[in-house]
Amino acid sequence: MNSITIRVLVVDADPGGVGDLHSRLDQVPEVEIVGITHSQRAALTQVETIQPDFLLVDLMRETV
């Protein structure tokens, strides 16, 4: 049986929030965090290079 891995890029201006989220997602074997950024603008660049399957963004922190 093939296992599926979901590649996730996390975008959150709060480093503390990212740490908590990272530890929770690490417990899910199907999830691989491929990048973390604290700026939505930086995330736009990382999406092109990393090409994650899923983008997790805290929209309440900043505007693009």
PDB file of N, CA and C in Angstrom:
ATOM      1  N   MET A   1       0.842  -1.186   0.000  1.00  0.00           N
ATOM      2  CA  MET A   1       0.000   0.000   0.000  1.00  0.00           C
ATOM      3  C   MET A   1       0.886   1.247   0.000  1.00  0.00           C
ATOM      4  N   ASN A   2       0.610   2.172  -0.896  1.00  0.00           N
ATOM      5  CA  ASN A   2       1.384   3.417  -0.982  1.00  0.00           C
ATOM      6  C   ASN A   2       0.896   4.404   0.060  1.00  0.00           C
ATOM      7  N   SER A   3       1.855   5.042   0.733  1.00  0.00           N
ATOM      8  CA  SER A   3       1.458   6.068   1.693  1.00  0.00           C
ATOM      9  C   SER A   3       1.469   7.426   1.000  1.00  0.00           C
ATOM     10  N   ILE A   4       0.556   8.261   1.406  1.00  0.00           N
ATOM     11  CA  ILE A   4       0.429   9.599   0.828  1.00  0.00           C
ATOM     12  C   ILE A   4       1.054  10.591   1.795  1.00  0.00           C
ATOM     13  N   THR A   5       1.874  11.507   1.253  1.00  0.00           N
ATOM     14  CA  THR A   5       2.459  12.570   2.060  1.00  0.00           C
ATOM     15  C   THR A   5       1.947  13.905   1.540  1.00  0.00           C
ATOM     16  N   ILE A   6       1.415  14.712   2.433  1.00  0.00           N
ATOM     17  CA  ILE A   6       0.931  16.046   2.084  1.00  0.00           C
ATOM     18  C   ILE A   6       2.003  17.044   2.471  1.00  0.00           C
ATOM     19  N   ARG A   7       2.543  17.746   1.482  1.00  0.00           N
ATOM     20  CA  ARG A   7       3.607  18.726   1.699  1.00  0.00           C
ATOM     21  C   ARG A   7       2.967  20.081   2.033  1.00  0.00           C
ATOM     22  N   VAL A   8       3.299  20.617   3.217  1.00  0.00           N
ATOM     23  CA  VAL A   8       2.637  21.815   3.736  1.00  0.00           C
ATOM     24  C   VAL A   8       3.633  22.958   3.911  1.00  0.00           C
ATOM     25  N   LEU A   9       3.249  24.140   3.441  1.00  0.00           N
ATOM     26  CA  LEU A   9       3.980  25.376   3.705  1.00  0.00           C
ATOM     27  C   LEU A   9       3.147  26.176   4.695  1.00  0.00           C
ATOM     28  N   VAL A  10       3.745  26.556   5.831  1.00  0.00           N
ATOM     29  CA  VAL A  10       3.046  27.284   6.888  1.00  0.00           C
ATOM     30  C   VAL A  10       3.457  28.755   6.837  1.00  0.00           C
ATOM     31  N   VAL A  11       2.441  29.648   6.871  1.00  0.00           N
ATOM     32  CA  VAL A  11       2.687  31.091   6.870  1.00  0.00           C
ATOM     33  C   VAL A  11       1.990  31.690   8.081  1.00  0.00           C
ATOM     34  N   ASP A  12       2.790  32.225   9.014  1.00  0.00           N
ATOM     35  CA  ASP A  12       2.229  32.817  10.228  1.00  0.00           C
ATOM     36  C   ASP A  12       3.217  33.843  10.768  1.00  0.00           C
ATOM     37  N   ALA A  13       2.743  35.046  11.032  1.00  0.00           N
ATOM     38  CA  ALA A  13       3.610  36.114  11.521  1.00  0.00           C
ATOM     39  C   ALA A  13       4.068  35.883  12.960  1.00  0.00           C
ATOM     40  N   ASP A  14       3.403  34.987  13.662  1.00  0.00           N
ATOM     41  CA  ASP A  14       3.721  34.727  15.066  1.00  0.00           C
ATOM     42  C   ASP A  14       4.578  33.461  15.189  1.00  0.00           C
ATOM     43  N   PRO A  15       5.891  33.607  15.447  1.00  0.00           N
ATOM     44  CA  PRO A  15       6.758  32.423  15.570  1.00  0.00           C
ATOM     45  C   PRO A  15       6.297  31.452  16.656  1.00  0.00           C
ATOM     46  N   GLY A  16       5.697  31.958  17.725  1.00  0.00           N
ATOM     47  CA  GLY A  16       5.190  31.087  18.782  1.00  0.00           C
ATOM     48  C   GLY A  16       4.052  30.207  18.294  1.00  0.00           C
ATOM     49  N   GLY A  17       3.187  30.776  17.510  1.00  0.00           N
ATOM     50  CA  GLY A  17       2.073  30.011  16.946  1.00  0.00           C
ATOM     51  C   GLY A  17       2.547  28.938  15.996  1.00  0.00           C
ATOM     52  N   VAL A  18       3.573  29.231  15.244  1.00  0.00           N
ATOM     53  CA  VAL A  18       4.122  28.265  14.298  1.00  0.00           C
ATOM     54  C   VAL A  18       4.733  27.086  15.045  1.00  0.00           C
ATOM     55  N   GLY A  19       5.422  27.370  16.141  1.00  0.00           N
ATOM     56  CA  GLY A  19       6.037  26.299  16.917  1.00  0.00           C
ATOM     57  C   GLY A  19       5.019  25.298  17.423  1.00  0.00           C
ATOM     58  N   ASP A  20       3.901  25.799  17.945  1.00  0.00           N
ATOM     59  CA  ASP A  20       2.846  24.930  18.446  1.00  0.00           C
ATOM     60  C   ASP A  20       2.227  24.124  17.306  1.00  0.00           C
ATOM     61  N   LEU A  21       1.957  24.783  16.211  1.00  0.00           N
ATOM     62  CA  LEU A  21       1.384  24.112  15.053  1.00  0.00           C
ATOM     63  C   LEU A  21       2.341  23.054  14.506  1.00  0.00           C
ATOM     64  N   HIS A  22       3.626  23.400  14.442  1.00  0.00           N
ATOM     65  CA  HIS A  22       4.640  22.471  13.940  1.00  0.00           C
ATOM     66  C   HIS A  22       4.658  21.200  14.786  1.00  0.00           C
ATOM     67  N   SER A  23       4.622  21.337  16.116  1.00  0.00           N
ATOM     68  CA  SER A  23       4.651  20.136  16.958  1.00  0.00           C
ATOM     69  C   SER A  23       3.401  19.282  16.778  1.00  0.00           C
ATOM     70  N   ARG A  24       2.281  19.917  16.544  1.00  0.00           N
ATOM     71  CA  ARG A  24       1.050  19.147  16.332  1.00  0.00           C
ATOM     72  C   ARG A  24       1.080  18.430  14.983  1.00  0.00           C
ATOM     73  N   LEU A  25       1.530  19.119  13.948  1.00  0.00           N
ATOM     74  CA  LEU A  25       1.580  18.497  12.616  1.00  0.00           C
ATOM     75  C   LEU A  25       2.639  17.408  12.542  1.00  0.00           C
ATOM     76  N   ASP A  26       3.693  17.515  13.335  1.00  0.00           N
ATOM     77  CA  ASP A  26       4.725  16.470  13.370  1.00  0.00           C
ATOM     78  C   ASP A  26       4.164  15.131  13.842  1.00  0.00           C
ATOM     79  N   GLN A  27       3.058  15.160  14.526  1.00  0.00           N
ATOM     80  CA  GLN A  27       2.443  13.933  15.020  1.00  0.00           C
ATOM     81  C   GLN A  27       1.612  13.221  13.956  1.00  0.00           C
ATOM     82  N   VAL A  28       1.429  13.874  12.809  1.00  0.00           N
ATOM     83  CA  VAL A  28       0.643  13.298  11.718  1.00  0.00           C
ATOM     84  C   VAL A  28       1.606  12.758  10.669  1.00  0.00           C
ATOM     85  N   PRO A  29       1.721  11.434  10.541  1.00  0.00           N
ATOM     86  CA  PRO A  29       2.724  10.861   9.635  1.00  0.00           C
ATOM     87  C   PRO A  29       2.536  11.232   8.166  1.00  0.00           C
ATOM     88  N   GLU A  30       1.321  11.556   7.764  1.00  0.00           N
ATOM     89  CA  GLU A  30       1.056  11.887   6.360  1.00  0.00           C
ATOM     90  C   GLU A  30       1.410  13.330   6.010  1.00  0.00           C
ATOM     91  N   VAL A  31       1.781  14.127   7.002  1.00  0.00           N
ATOM     92  CA  VAL A  31       2.076  15.549   6.778  1.00  0.00           C
ATOM     93  C   VAL A  31       3.573  15.803   6.889  1.00  0.00           C
ATOM     94  N   GLU A  32       4.108  16.491   5.888  1.00  0.00           N
ATOM     95  CA  GLU A  32       5.507  16.930   5.901  1.00  0.00           C
ATOM     96  C   GLU A  32       5.529  18.451   5.767  1.00  0.00           C
ATOM     97  N   ILE A  33       6.055  19.134   6.769  1.00  0.00           N
ATOM     98  CA  ILE A  33       6.185  20.591   6.688  1.00  0.00           C
ATOM     99  C   ILE A  33       7.426  20.880   5.847  1.00  0.00           C
ATOM    100  N   VAL A  34       7.197  21.466   4.676  1.00  0.00           N
ATOM    101  CA  VAL A  34       8.300  21.718   3.743  1.00  0.00           C
ATOM    102  C   VAL A  34       8.828  23.143   3.839  1.00  0.00           C
ATOM    103  N   GLY A  35       8.147  23.987   4.595  1.00  0.00           N
ATOM    104  CA  GLY A  35       8.613  25.355   4.766  1.00  0.00           C
ATOM    105  C   GLY A  35       7.776  26.105   5.776  1.00  0.00           C
ATOM    106  N   ILE A  36       8.421  27.079   6.411  1.00  0.00           N
ATOM    107  CA  ILE A  36       7.743  27.973   7.353  1.00  0.00           C
ATOM    108  C   ILE A  36       8.221  29.378   7.043  1.00  0.00           C
ATOM    109  N   THR A  37       7.292  30.302   6.925  1.00  0.00           N
ATOM    110  CA  THR A  37       7.650  31.697   6.721  1.00  0.00           C
ATOM    111  C   THR A  37       6.753  32.563   7.593  1.00  0.00           C
ATOM    112  N   HIS A  38       7.244  33.733   7.912  1.00  0.00           N
ATOM    113  CA  HIS A  38       6.491  34.642   8.779  1.00  0.00           C
ATOM    114  C   HIS A  38       5.962  35.842   7.996  1.00  0.00           C
ATOM    115  N   SER A  39       6.014  35.762   6.672  1.00  0.00           N
ATOM    116  CA  SER A  39       5.550  36.849   5.824  1.00  0.00           C
ATOM    117  C   SER A  39       4.786  36.280   4.634  1.00  0.00           C
ATOM    118  N   GLN A  40       3.636  36.854   4.360  1.00  0.00           N
ATOM    119  CA  GLN A  40       2.858  36.393   3.216  1.00  0.00           C
ATOM    120  C   GLN A  40       3.584  36.692   1.902  1.00  0.00           C
ATOM    121  N   ARG A  41       4.309  37.795   1.866  1.00  0.00           N
ATOM    122  CA  ARG A  41       5.078  38.113   0.651  1.00  0.00           C
ATOM    123  C   ARG A  41       6.161  37.069   0.399  1.00  0.00           C
ATOM    124  N   ALA A  42       6.871  36.671   1.445  1.00  0.00           N
ATOM    125  CA  ALA A  42       7.896  35.634   1.304  1.00  0.00           C
ATOM    126  C   ALA A  42       7.266  34.305   0.908  1.00  0.00           C
ATOM    127  N   ALA A  43       6.060  34.062   1.372  1.00  0.00           N
ATOM    128  CA  ALA A  43       5.366  32.819   1.030  1.00  0.00           C
ATOM    129  C   ALA A  43       5.114  32.716  -0.463  1.00  0.00           C
ATOM    130  N   LEU A  44       4.830  33.836  -1.103  1.00  0.00           N
ATOM    131  CA  LEU A  44       4.588  33.812  -2.550  1.00  0.00           C
ATOM    132  C   LEU A  44       5.799  33.281  -3.302  1.00  0.00           C
ATOM    133  N   THR A  45       6.988  33.681  -2.874  1.00  0.00           N
ATOM    134  CA  THR A  45       8.220  33.190  -3.486  1.00  0.00           C
ATOM    135  C   THR A  45       8.432  31.717  -3.158  1.00  0.00           C
ATOM    136  N   GLN A  46       8.209  31.348  -1.910  1.00  0.00           N
ATOM    137  CA  GLN A  46       8.430  29.967  -1.502  1.00  0.00           C
ATOM    138  C   GLN A  46       7.468  29.000  -2.184  1.00  0.00           C
ATOM    139  N   VAL A  47       6.255  29.438  -2.457  1.00  0.00           N
ATOM    140  CA  VAL A  47       5.298  28.574  -3.154  1.00  0.00           C
ATOM    141  C   VAL A  47       5.856  28.169  -4.511  1.00  0.00           C
ATOM    142  N   GLU A  48       6.494  29.110  -5.196  1.00  0.00           N
ATOM    143  CA  GLU A  48       7.059  28.806  -6.514  1.00  0.00           C
ATOM    144  C   GLU A  48       8.220  27.821  -6.426  1.00  0.00           C
ATOM    145  N   THR A  49       9.083  27.967  -5.432  1.00  0.00           N
ATOM    146  CA  THR A  49      10.262  27.095  -5.345  1.00  0.00           C
ATOM    147  C   THR A  49       9.974  25.770  -4.639  1.00  0.00           C
ATOM    148  N   ILE A  50       9.200  25.796  -3.583  1.00  0.00           N
ATOM    149  CA  ILE A  50       8.931  24.586  -2.804  1.00  0.00           C
ATOM    150  C   ILE A  50       7.814  23.740  -3.425  1.00  0.00           C
ATOM    151  N   GLN A  51       6.834  24.396  -4.004  1.00  0.00           N
ATOM    152  CA  GLN A  51       5.656  23.763  -4.603  1.00  0.00           C
ATOM    153  C   GLN A  51       4.941  22.820  -3.626  1.00  0.00           C
ATOM    154  N   PRO A  52       4.422  23.396  -2.532  1.00  0.00           N
ATOM    155  CA  PRO A  52       3.720  22.559  -1.548  1.00  0.00           C
ATOM    156  C   PRO A  52       2.371  22.079  -2.095  1.00  0.00           C
ATOM    157  N   ASP A  53       1.840  21.034  -1.479  1.00  0.00           N
ATOM    158  CA  ASP A  53       0.497  20.551  -1.822  1.00  0.00           C
ATOM    159  C   ASP A  53      -0.563  21.395  -1.124  1.00  0.00           C
ATOM    160  N   PHE A  54      -0.169  21.971   0.015  1.00  0.00           N
ATOM    161  CA  PHE A  54      -1.128  22.668   0.871  1.00  0.00           C
ATOM    162  C   PHE A  54      -0.449  23.890   1.466  1.00  0.00           C
ATOM    163  N   LEU A  55      -1.161  25.002   1.494  1.00  0.00           N
ATOM    164  CA  LEU A  55      -0.650  26.249   2.062  1.00  0.00           C
ATOM    165  C   LEU A  55      -1.523  26.610   3.255  1.00  0.00           C
ATOM    166  N   LEU A  56      -0.932  26.680   4.441  1.00  0.00           N
ATOM    167  CA  LEU A  56      -1.641  27.010   5.667  1.00  0.00           C
ATOM    168  C   LEU A  56      -1.253  28.431   6.064  1.00  0.00           C
ATOM    169  N   VAL A  57      -2.219  29.366   5.973  1.00  0.00           N
ATOM    170  CA  VAL A  57      -1.924  30.789   6.167  1.00  0.00           C
ATOM    171  C   VAL A  57      -2.784  31.374   7.274  1.00  0.00           C
ATOM    172  N   ASP A  58      -2.154  32.119   8.174  1.00  0.00           N
ATOM    173  CA  ASP A  58      -2.889  32.879   9.180  1.00  0.00           C
ATOM    174  C   ASP A  58      -3.217  34.233   8.534  1.00  0.00           C
ATOM    175  N   LEU A  59      -4.439  34.392   8.068  1.00  0.00           N
ATOM    176  CA  LEU A  59      -4.838  35.591   7.345  1.00  0.00           C
ATOM    177  C   LEU A  59      -5.048  36.810   8.239  1.00  0.00           C
ATOM    178  N   MET A  60      -5.146  36.611   9.524  1.00  0.00           N
ATOM    179  CA  MET A  60      -5.424  37.720  10.426  1.00  0.00           C
ATOM    180  C   MET A  60      -4.175  38.521  10.777  1.00  0.00           C
ATOM    181  N   ARG A  61      -2.997  38.104  10.387  1.00  0.00           N
ATOM    182  CA  ARG A  61      -1.772  38.729  10.825  1.00  0.00           C
ATOM    183  C   ARG A  61      -1.323  39.921   9.980  1.00  0.00           C
ATOM    184  N   GLU A  62      -1.416  39.810   8.681  1.00  0.00           N
ATOM    185  CA  GLU A  62      -0.945  40.893   7.826  1.00  0.00           C
ATOM    186  C   GLU A  62      -1.677  40.875   6.509  1.00  0.00           C
ATOM    187  N   THR A  63      -1.527  41.935   5.751  1.00  0.00           N
ATOM    188  CA  THR A  63      -2.116  41.978   4.411  1.00  0.00           C
ATOM    189  C   THR A  63      -0.980  42.009   3.399  1.00  0.00           C
ATOM    190  N   VAL A  64      -1.249  41.432   2.245  1.00  0.00           N
ATOM    191  CA  VAL A  64      -0.231  41.375   1.198  1.00  0.00           C
ATOM    192  C   VAL A  64      -0.170  42.700   0.476  1.00  0.00           C
TER     193      VAL A  64
END
